[in-house]
Amino acid sequence: MKQLTDIRHLVIDMDGVLYVGNQPMACLAEFIAFLRRKGIGFVLATNNSGSTPTQYAAKLAKMGADVSPEEILTSGTATAQWLARQYPPGTRVHVFGENSLREAMTDVGFILADEDVEVVAASIDWGVSYDKIKRAALLIRRGARFVATNLDPTRPTEEGLVPGTGAILAAIEVGAGVKPIAVGKPEPTMFELAMARMGAAPAATATLGDRIDTDMEGGVRAGCSTILVLSGSTTREDAKAYGPDFVFEDISDLLHHWEHQI
């Protein structure tokens, strides 16, 4: 039987776990403070690449949570780091997405371009248009590699579940006739990068998230324990069918149980 006391490191999702939209979860600041007080290392790993780690840190600071950009890993930065292992600096990359993804690509030395590119790196685009989809599809048809930060079909917001990166990239996939290679969760790459930052081993690491298809599946594939919270995209019925190692209503419920075990 796994115990919370066995966990020394956490890979924590953000959307639906620490907050929904701009509304923080109850006990957010207390939860982060508890992890620091008990020496439990953590990396916040999100499939949402629409903001930079610095922007996410600022958002969390407004909610009372003290987290540094170095403790945040987005699927955009993970994708850039993954591509940098395979392509040299100066590689021409077309970005379908936000400025945060462009910044991640230039940070590893890639050149942003709209023609003659090796890779189309694609993610959420708040200003998606037919022309953007057409350009990406044509580049892929001409031989560019199609790489997606993630394929989440939806994302939790204060309005409810809304279309996510996967819903938008489906248009490029159909238009180009090529399936993208995904880097974000549930692929183990993000978990491996997060654990490397912490110097953590899978046996002492747990993934904390609200989605079965990304957070839980990815954690299992990376060899981690799994903690599911029901504050985002998953119902209790879904949780019972999947069977993660731990299930809690939210991080406040998790904090209460964890404090009483230590």
C-alpha atoms as a PDB file:
ATOM      1  CA  MET A   1       0.000   0.000   0.000  1.00  0.00           C
ATOM      2  CA  LYS A   2       1.509   3.327  -1.067  1.00  0.00           C
ATOM      3  CA  GLN A   3       1.627   6.115   1.491  1.00  0.00           C
ATOM      4  CA  LEU A   4       1.814   9.885   1.086  1.00  0.00           C
ATOM      5  CA  THR A   5       4.788   9.829   3.439  1.00  0.00           C
ATOM      6  CA  ASP A   6       6.778   7.896   0.797  1.00  0.00           C
ATOM      7  CA  ILE A   7       6.600  10.836  -1.620  1.00  0.00           C
ATOM      8  CA  ARG A   8       9.609  13.157  -1.696  1.00  0.00           C
ATOM      9  CA  HIS A   9       8.994  14.887  -5.037  1.00  0.00           C
ATOM     10  CA  LEU A  10       5.916  16.038  -6.942  1.00  0.00           C
ATOM     11  CA  VAL A  11       5.215  16.829 -10.580  1.00  0.00           C
ATOM     12  CA  ILE A  12       2.171  19.075 -10.243  1.00  0.00           C
ATOM     13  CA  ASP A  13      -0.301  20.102 -12.914  1.00  0.00           C
ATOM     14  CA  MET A  14      -1.722  23.641 -12.617  1.00  0.00           C
ATOM     15  CA  ASP A  15      -5.021  24.089 -14.510  1.00  0.00           C
ATOM     16  CA  GLY A  16      -7.774  22.404 -12.499  1.00  0.00           C
ATOM     17  CA  VAL A  17      -5.369  21.599  -9.650  1.00  0.00           C
ATOM     18  CA  LEU A  18      -3.930  24.849  -8.289  1.00  0.00           C
ATOM     19  CA  TYR A  19      -6.522  27.107  -9.911  1.00  0.00           C
ATOM     20  CA  VAL A  20      -9.309  27.262 -12.462  1.00  0.00           C
ATOM     21  CA  GLY A  21      -8.950  30.262 -14.738  1.00  0.00           C
ATOM     22  CA  ASN A  22      -7.993  33.104 -12.410  1.00  0.00           C
ATOM     23  CA  GLN A  23      -9.617  31.560  -9.352  1.00  0.00           C
ATOM     24  CA  PRO A  24      -7.151  29.888  -6.963  1.00  0.00           C
ATOM     25  CA  MET A  25      -8.068  26.666  -5.238  1.00  0.00           C
ATOM     26  CA  ALA A  26      -8.666  26.788  -1.493  1.00  0.00           C
ATOM     27  CA  CYS A  27      -5.437  26.440   0.505  1.00  0.00           C
ATOM     28  CA  LEU A  28      -3.193  27.058  -2.524  1.00  0.00           C
ATOM     29  CA  ALA A  29      -0.667  29.167  -0.616  1.00  0.00           C
ATOM     30  CA  GLU A  30      -0.837  26.826   2.381  1.00  0.00           C
ATOM     31  CA  PHE A  31      -0.224  23.799   0.174  1.00  0.00           C
ATOM     32  CA  ILE A  32       2.917  25.289  -1.416  1.00  0.00           C
ATOM     33  CA  ALA A  33       4.160  26.388   2.017  1.00  0.00           C
ATOM     34  CA  PHE A  34       3.575  22.854   3.360  1.00  0.00           C
ATOM     35  CA  LEU A  35       5.694  21.317   0.583  1.00  0.00           C
ATOM     36  CA  ARG A  36       8.552  23.724   1.293  1.00  0.00           C
ATOM     37  CA  ARG A  37       8.315  23.212   5.050  1.00  0.00           C
ATOM     38  CA  LYS A  38       8.495  19.426   4.665  1.00  0.00           C
ATOM     39  CA  GLY A  39      11.291  19.527   2.078  1.00  0.00           C
ATOM     40  CA  ILE A  40       9.163  17.974  -0.669  1.00  0.00           C
ATOM     41  CA  GLY A  41      10.568  19.047  -4.012  1.00  0.00           C
ATOM     42  CA  PHE A  42       8.192  20.010  -6.789  1.00  0.00           C
ATOM     43  CA  VAL A  43       7.955  21.174 -10.370  1.00  0.00           C
ATOM     44  CA  LEU A  44       4.748  22.636 -11.756  1.00  0.00           C
ATOM     45  CA  ALA A  45       4.338  20.967 -15.150  1.00  0.00           C
ATOM     46  CA  THR A  46       1.536  22.180 -17.380  1.00  0.00           C
ATOM     47  CA  ASN A  47       0.472  21.223 -20.879  1.00  0.00           C
ATOM     48  CA  ASN A  48      -0.720  24.795 -21.353  1.00  0.00           C
ATOM     49  CA  SER A  49       2.032  26.610 -23.233  1.00  0.00           C
ATOM     50  CA  GLY A  50       0.075  29.838 -23.693  1.00  0.00           C
ATOM     51  CA  SER A  51       2.246  31.632 -21.107  1.00  0.00           C
ATOM     52  CA  THR A  52       5.916  31.579 -20.129  1.00  0.00           C
ATOM     53  CA  PRO A  53       7.166  30.219 -16.789  1.00  0.00           C
ATOM     54  CA  THR A  54       7.777  33.823 -15.688  1.00  0.00           C
ATOM     55  CA  GLN A  55       4.181  34.739 -16.505  1.00  0.00           C
ATOM     56  CA  TYR A  56       2.861  31.698 -14.657  1.00  0.00           C
ATOM     57  CA  ALA A  57       4.987  32.573 -11.612  1.00  0.00           C
ATOM     58  CA  ALA A  58       3.513  36.086 -11.640  1.00  0.00           C
ATOM     59  CA  LYS A  59      -0.017  34.657 -11.876  1.00  0.00           C
ATOM     60  CA  LEU A  60       0.601  32.382  -8.907  1.00  0.00           C
ATOM     61  CA  ALA A  61       2.141  35.248  -6.920  1.00  0.00           C
ATOM     62  CA  LYS A  62      -1.121  37.194  -7.307  1.00  0.00           C
ATOM     63  CA  MET A  63      -2.853  34.170  -5.782  1.00  0.00           C
ATOM     64  CA  GLY A  64      -0.466  34.192  -2.821  1.00  0.00           C
ATOM     65  CA  ALA A  65       1.715  31.260  -3.940  1.00  0.00           C
ATOM     66  CA  ASP A  66       5.478  31.828  -3.985  1.00  0.00           C
ATOM     67  CA  VAL A  67       6.844  29.810  -6.919  1.00  0.00           C
ATOM     68  CA  SER A  68       9.882  30.659  -9.058  1.00  0.00           C
ATOM     69  CA  PRO A  69       9.968  30.380 -12.884  1.00  0.00           C
ATOM     70  CA  GLU A  70      12.637  27.682 -12.472  1.00  0.00           C
ATOM     71  CA  GLU A  71      10.037  25.539 -10.693  1.00  0.00           C
ATOM     72  CA  ILE A  72       7.651  25.725 -13.657  1.00  0.00           C
ATOM     73  CA  LEU A  73       7.836  23.610 -16.810  1.00  0.00           C
ATOM     74  CA  THR A  74       5.403  24.229 -19.669  1.00  0.00           C
ATOM     75  CA  SER A  75       4.862  21.914 -22.601  1.00  0.00           C
ATOM     76  CA  GLY A  76       6.320  24.701 -24.747  1.00  0.00           C
ATOM     77  CA  THR A  77       9.642  24.793 -22.908  1.00  0.00           C
ATOM     78  CA  ALA A  78       9.678  20.992 -22.782  1.00  0.00           C
ATOM     79  CA  THR A  79       9.113  20.837 -26.544  1.00  0.00           C
ATOM     80  CA  ALA A  80      11.932  23.293 -27.188  1.00  0.00           C
ATOM     81  CA  GLN A  81      14.323  21.345 -24.954  1.00  0.00           C
ATOM     82  CA  TRP A  82      13.310  18.072 -26.591  1.00  0.00           C
ATOM     83  CA  LEU A  83      13.849  19.471 -30.094  1.00  0.00           C
ATOM     84  CA  ALA A  84      17.208  20.960 -29.063  1.00  0.00           C
ATOM     85  CA  ARG A  85      18.444  17.420 -28.411  1.00  0.00           C
ATOM     86  CA  GLN A  86      17.789  16.574 -32.069  1.00  0.00           C
ATOM     87  CA  TYR A  87      18.416  19.769 -34.046  1.00  0.00           C
ATOM     88  CA  PRO A  88      21.354  22.201 -33.874  1.00  0.00           C
ATOM     89  CA  PRO A  89      21.081  25.906 -33.076  1.00  0.00           C
ATOM     90  CA  GLY A  90      20.088  27.823 -36.179  1.00  0.00           C
ATOM     91  CA  THR A  91      17.458  25.284 -37.229  1.00  0.00           C
ATOM     92  CA  ARG A  92      14.508  26.996 -38.883  1.00  0.00           C
ATOM     93  CA  VAL A  93      11.240  26.411 -37.014  1.00  0.00           C
ATOM     94  CA  HIS A  94       7.734  27.638 -37.778  1.00  0.00           C
ATOM     95  CA  VAL A  95       5.651  28.280 -34.669  1.00  0.00           C
ATOM     96  CA  PHE A  96       1.894  27.881 -34.696  1.00  0.00           C
ATOM     97  CA  GLY A  97       1.070  29.298 -31.298  1.00  0.00           C
ATOM     98  CA  GLU A  98       1.648  32.127 -28.877  1.00  0.00           C
ATOM     99  CA  ASN A  99       4.691  34.314 -28.192  1.00  0.00           C
ATOM    100  CA  SER A 100       5.523  32.096 -25.214  1.00  0.00           C
ATOM    101  CA  LEU A 101       6.252  29.202 -27.613  1.00  0.00           C
ATOM    102  CA  ARG A 102       8.256  31.473 -29.908  1.00  0.00           C
ATOM    103  CA  GLU A 103      10.320  32.580 -26.919  1.00  0.00           C
ATOM    104  CA  ALA A 104      10.938  28.963 -25.885  1.00  0.00           C
ATOM    105  CA  MET A 105      12.219  28.170 -29.397  1.00  0.00           C
ATOM    106  CA  THR A 106      14.540  31.161 -29.637  1.00  0.00           C
ATOM    107  CA  ASP A 107      15.866  30.458 -26.129  1.00  0.00           C
ATOM    108  CA  VAL A 108      17.388  27.196 -27.413  1.00  0.00           C
ATOM    109  CA  GLY A 109      18.840  28.879 -30.510  1.00  0.00           C
ATOM    110  CA  PHE A 110      16.272  28.113 -33.191  1.00  0.00           C
ATOM    111  CA  ILE A 111      15.401  30.616 -35.931  1.00  0.00           C
ATOM    112  CA  LEU A 112      11.732  31.424 -36.397  1.00  0.00           C
ATOM    113  CA  ALA A 113      10.613  31.279 -40.020  1.00  0.00           C
ATOM    114  CA  ASP A 114       7.567  30.898 -42.248  1.00  0.00           C
ATOM    115  CA  GLU A 115       9.273  29.157 -45.192  1.00  0.00           C
ATOM    116  CA  ASP A 116      11.906  26.437 -45.688  1.00  0.00           C
ATOM    117  CA  VAL A 117      11.554  25.103 -42.148  1.00  0.00           C
ATOM    118  CA  GLU A 118      12.609  21.807 -40.602  1.00  0.00           C
ATOM    119  CA  VAL A 119       9.894  21.765 -37.939  1.00  0.00           C
ATOM    120  CA  VAL A 120       6.394  23.096 -37.372  1.00  0.00           C
ATOM    121  CA  ALA A 121       6.043  23.472 -33.602  1.00  0.00           C
ATOM    122  CA  ALA A 122       2.360  23.810 -32.759  1.00  0.00           C
ATOM    123  CA  SER A 123       0.350  24.625 -29.666  1.00  0.00           C
ATOM    124  CA  ILE A 124      -2.611  26.676 -28.460  1.00  0.00           C
ATOM    125  CA  ASP A 125      -3.176  29.823 -30.509  1.00  0.00           C
ATOM    126  CA  TRP A 126      -5.649  32.326 -29.065  1.00  0.00           C
ATOM    127  CA  GLY A 127      -5.842  34.100 -32.433  1.00  0.00           C
ATOM    128  CA  VAL A 128      -6.229  31.005 -34.617  1.00  0.00           C
ATOM    129  CA  SER A 129      -7.291  31.677 -38.201  1.00  0.00           C
ATOM    130  CA  TYR A 130      -7.721  29.811 -41.450  1.00  0.00           C
ATOM    131  CA  ASP A 131      -4.569  31.412 -42.870  1.00  0.00           C
ATOM    132  CA  LYS A 132      -2.483  30.202 -39.915  1.00  0.00           C
ATOM    133  CA  ILE A 133      -3.851  26.667 -40.235  1.00  0.00           C
ATOM    134  CA  LYS A 134      -3.250  26.727 -44.000  1.00  0.00           C
ATOM    135  CA  ARG A 135       0.362  27.907 -43.630  1.00  0.00           C
ATOM    136  CA  ALA A 136       1.198  25.215 -41.083  1.00  0.00           C
ATOM    137  CA  ALA A 137      -0.456  22.476 -43.152  1.00  0.00           C
ATOM    138  CA  LEU A 138       1.390  23.509 -46.320  1.00  0.00           C
ATOM    139  CA  LEU A 139       4.755  23.525 -44.539  1.00  0.00           C
ATOM    140  CA  ILE A 140       4.098  20.020 -43.200  1.00  0.00           C
ATOM    141  CA  ARG A 141       3.083  18.810 -46.653  1.00  0.00           C
ATOM    142  CA  ARG A 142       6.405  20.179 -47.944  1.00  0.00           C
ATOM    143  CA  GLY A 143       8.319  18.012 -45.496  1.00  0.00           C
ATOM    144  CA  ALA A 144       8.465  19.863 -42.168  1.00  0.00           C
ATOM    145  CA  ARG A 145       8.162  17.710 -39.067  1.00  0.00           C
ATOM    146  CA  PHE A 146       4.876  18.260 -37.207  1.00  0.00           C
ATOM    147  CA  VAL A 147       5.495  18.511 -33.438  1.00  0.00           C
ATOM    148  CA  ALA A 148       2.792  19.413 -30.915  1.00  0.00           C
ATOM    149  CA  THR A 149       3.336  20.648 -27.395  1.00  0.00           C
ATOM    150  CA  ASN A 150       0.304  18.591 -26.333  1.00  0.00           C
ATOM    151  CA  LEU A 151      -2.954  17.163 -27.656  1.00  0.00           C
ATOM    152  CA  ASP A 152      -5.347  18.000 -24.801  1.00  0.00           C
ATOM    153  CA  PRO A 153      -8.841  18.075 -26.330  1.00  0.00           C
ATOM    154  CA  THR A 154     -10.175  20.415 -23.636  1.00  0.00           C
ATOM    155  CA  ARG A 155      -9.049  22.722 -20.838  1.00  0.00           C
ATOM    156  CA  PRO A 156     -10.887  23.688 -17.633  1.00  0.00           C
ATOM    157  CA  THR A 157     -12.010  27.300 -17.244  1.00  0.00           C
ATOM    158  CA  GLU A 158     -14.403  29.208 -15.025  1.00  0.00           C
ATOM    159  CA  GLU A 159     -16.982  28.781 -17.821  1.00  0.00           C
ATOM    160  CA  GLY A 160     -16.484  25.012 -17.966  1.00  0.00           C
ATOM    161  CA  LEU A 161     -14.468  22.757 -20.276  1.00  0.00           C
ATOM    162  CA  VAL A 162     -13.497  24.567 -23.486  1.00  0.00           C
ATOM    163  CA  PRO A 163     -11.564  23.411 -26.601  1.00  0.00           C
ATOM    164  CA  GLY A 164      -7.881  22.836 -25.958  1.00  0.00           C
ATOM    165  CA  THR A 165      -4.750  22.513 -28.070  1.00  0.00           C
ATOM    166  CA  GLY A 166      -5.739  19.135 -29.503  1.00  0.00           C
ATOM    167  CA  ALA A 167      -9.031  20.492 -30.801  1.00  0.00           C
ATOM    168  CA  ILE A 168      -7.249  23.253 -32.724  1.00  0.00           C
ATOM    169  CA  LEU A 169      -4.399  21.092 -34.017  1.00  0.00           C
ATOM    170  CA  ALA A 170      -6.892  18.563 -35.361  1.00  0.00           C
ATOM    171  CA  ALA A 171      -7.564  21.024 -38.182  1.00  0.00           C
ATOM    172  CA  ILE A 172      -3.865  21.080 -39.130  1.00  0.00           C
ATOM    173  CA  GLU A 173      -3.649  17.301 -38.883  1.00  0.00           C
ATOM    174  CA  VAL A 174      -6.581  16.791 -41.223  1.00  0.00           C
ATOM    175  CA  GLY A 175      -5.389  19.508 -43.588  1.00  0.00           C
ATOM    176  CA  ALA A 176      -1.830  18.200 -43.751  1.00  0.00           C
ATOM    177  CA  GLY A 177      -2.647  14.488 -43.640  1.00  0.00           C
ATOM    178  CA  VAL A 178       0.006  13.984 -40.934  1.00  0.00           C
ATOM    179  CA  LYS A 179      -0.399  13.166 -37.255  1.00  0.00           C
ATOM    180  CA  PRO A 180       1.704  15.311 -34.906  1.00  0.00           C
ATOM    181  CA  ILE A 181       4.351  14.005 -32.531  1.00  0.00           C
ATOM    182  CA  ALA A 182       3.348  15.177 -29.038  1.00  0.00           C
ATOM    183  CA  VAL A 183       5.874  16.080 -26.344  1.00  0.00           C
ATOM    184  CA  GLY A 184       3.638  17.058 -23.431  1.00  0.00           C
ATOM    185  CA  LYS A 185       1.689  14.821 -21.099  1.00  0.00           C
ATOM    186  CA  PRO A 186       0.907  11.893 -21.279  1.00  0.00           C
ATOM    187  CA  GLU A 187       4.286  11.428 -22.968  1.00  0.00           C
ATOM    188  CA  PRO A 188       6.901  10.707 -20.276  1.00  0.00           C
ATOM    189  CA  THR A 189       9.232  13.433 -21.591  1.00  0.00           C
ATOM    190  CA  MET A 190       7.837  16.206 -19.381  1.00  0.00           C
ATOM    191  CA  PHE A 191       7.982  14.018 -16.289  1.00  0.00           C
ATOM    192  CA  GLU A 192      11.576  13.025 -17.053  1.00  0.00           C
ATOM    193  CA  LEU A 193      12.592  16.663 -17.541  1.00  0.00           C
ATOM    194  CA  ALA A 194      10.840  17.645 -14.302  1.00  0.00           C
ATOM    195  CA  MET A 195      12.493  14.855 -12.320  1.00  0.00           C
ATOM    196  CA  ALA A 196      15.886  15.770 -13.769  1.00  0.00           C
ATOM    197  CA  ARG A 197      15.446  19.317 -12.475  1.00  0.00           C
ATOM    198  CA  MET A 198      14.726  17.978  -8.983  1.00  0.00           C
ATOM    199  CA  GLY A 199      17.310  15.200  -9.023  1.00  0.00           C
ATOM    200  CA  ALA A 200      14.391  12.877  -8.312  1.00  0.00           C
ATOM    201  CA  ALA A 201      13.873   9.170  -8.841  1.00  0.00           C
ATOM    202  CA  PRO A 202      10.496   7.847 -10.077  1.00  0.00           C
ATOM    203  CA  ALA A 203      10.049   5.614  -7.018  1.00  0.00           C
ATOM    204  CA  ALA A 204       9.893   8.655  -4.708  1.00  0.00           C
ATOM    205  CA  THR A 205       7.972  10.895  -7.127  1.00  0.00           C
ATOM    206  CA  ALA A 206       4.235  11.335  -7.628  1.00  0.00           C
ATOM    207  CA  THR A 207       2.274  13.152 -10.294  1.00  0.00           C
ATOM    208  CA  LEU A 208      -0.519  15.365  -8.973  1.00  0.00           C
ATOM    209  CA  GLY A 209      -3.183  16.253 -11.519  1.00  0.00           C
ATOM    210  CA  ASP A 210      -6.838  16.401 -12.485  1.00  0.00           C
ATOM    211  CA  ARG A 211      -6.802  14.490 -15.777  1.00  0.00           C
ATOM    212  CA  ILE A 212      -6.606  10.736 -16.219  1.00  0.00           C
ATOM    213  CA  ASP A 213      -5.589  10.853 -19.889  1.00  0.00           C
ATOM    214  CA  THR A 214      -2.605  13.162 -19.318  1.00  0.00           C
ATOM    215  CA  ASP A 215      -1.508  13.509 -15.684  1.00  0.00           C
ATOM    216  CA  MET A 216      -2.261   9.972 -14.498  1.00  0.00           C
ATOM    217  CA  GLU A 217      -1.326   8.125 -17.708  1.00  0.00           C
ATOM    218  CA  GLY A 218       1.865  10.152 -18.056  1.00  0.00           C
ATOM    219  CA  GLY A 219       2.849   9.552 -14.458  1.00  0.00           C
ATOM    220  CA  VAL A 220       2.383   5.803 -14.831  1.00  0.00           C
ATOM    221  CA  ARG A 221       4.448   5.789 -18.032  1.00  0.00           C
ATOM    222  CA  ALA A 222       7.221   7.663 -16.215  1.00  0.00           C
ATOM    223  CA  GLY A 223       7.156   5.222 -13.297  1.00  0.00           C
ATOM    224  CA  CYS A 224       5.645   7.643 -10.749  1.00  0.00           C
ATOM    225  CA  SER A 225       2.869   7.288  -8.209  1.00  0.00           C
ATOM    226  CA  THR A 226      -0.404   9.009  -9.095  1.00  0.00           C
ATOM    227  CA  ILE A 227      -2.500  11.502  -7.118  1.00  0.00           C
ATOM    228  CA  LEU A 228      -5.794  12.537  -8.704  1.00  0.00           C
ATOM    229  CA  VAL A 229      -7.826  15.541  -7.580  1.00  0.00           C
ATOM    230  CA  LEU A 230     -11.460  15.938  -8.621  1.00  0.00           C
ATOM    231  CA  SER A 231     -11.343  19.736  -8.910  1.00  0.00           C
ATOM    232  CA  GLY A 232     -10.831  19.826 -12.670  1.00  0.00           C
ATOM    233  CA  SER A 233     -11.673  17.458 -15.499  1.00  0.00           C
ATOM    234  CA  THR A 234     -12.371  14.097 -13.831  1.00  0.00           C
ATOM    235  CA  THR A 235     -15.441  12.753 -12.025  1.00  0.00           C
ATOM    236  CA  ARG A 236     -15.380  10.363  -9.093  1.00  0.00           C
ATOM    237  CA  GLU A 237     -16.902   7.666 -11.321  1.00  0.00           C
ATOM    238  CA  ASP A 238     -14.028   8.048 -13.793  1.00  0.00           C
ATOM    239  CA  ALA A 239     -11.566   7.907 -10.916  1.00  0.00           C
ATOM    240  CA  LYS A 240     -13.043   4.648  -9.634  1.00  0.00           C
ATOM    241  CA  ALA A 241     -12.785   3.111 -13.095  1.00  0.00           C
ATOM    242  CA  TYR A 242      -9.139   4.134 -13.504  1.00  0.00           C
ATOM    243  CA  GLY A 243      -7.854   3.518  -9.993  1.00  0.00           C
ATOM    244  CA  PRO A 244      -5.042   6.026  -9.288  1.00  0.00           C
ATOM    245  CA  ASP A 245      -2.938   5.511  -6.168  1.00  0.00           C
ATOM    246  CA  PHE A 246      -4.667   8.372  -4.336  1.00  0.00           C
ATOM    247  CA  VAL A 247      -7.868  10.353  -4.949  1.00  0.00           C
ATOM    248  CA  PHE A 248      -8.802  13.612  -3.212  1.00  0.00           C
ATOM    249  CA  GLU A 249     -11.466  16.246  -3.757  1.00  0.00           C
ATOM    250  CA  ASP A 250      -8.867  19.001  -4.190  1.00  0.00           C
ATOM    251  CA  ILE A 251      -5.493  20.153  -2.851  1.00  0.00           C
ATOM    252  CA  SER A 252      -7.155  21.291   0.380  1.00  0.00           C
ATOM    253  CA  ASP A 253      -8.352  17.729   0.968  1.00  0.00           C
ATOM    254  CA  LEU A 254      -4.911  16.388   0.015  1.00  0.00           C
ATOM    255  CA  LEU A 255      -3.212  18.830   2.395  1.00  0.00           C
ATOM    256  CA  HIS A 256      -5.477  17.796   5.263  1.00  0.00           C
ATOM    257  CA  HIS A 257      -4.705  14.094   4.818  1.00  0.00           C
ATOM    258  CA  TRP A 258      -0.989  14.634   4.229  1.00  0.00           C
ATOM    259  CA  GLU A 259      -0.568  16.808   7.337  1.00  0.00           C
ATOM    260  CA  HIS A 260      -2.160  14.121   9.487  1.00  0.00           C
ATOM    261  CA  GLN A 261       0.147  11.402   8.139  1.00  0.00           C
ATOM    262  CA  ILE A 262       3.382  13.273   8.813  1.00  0.00           C
END
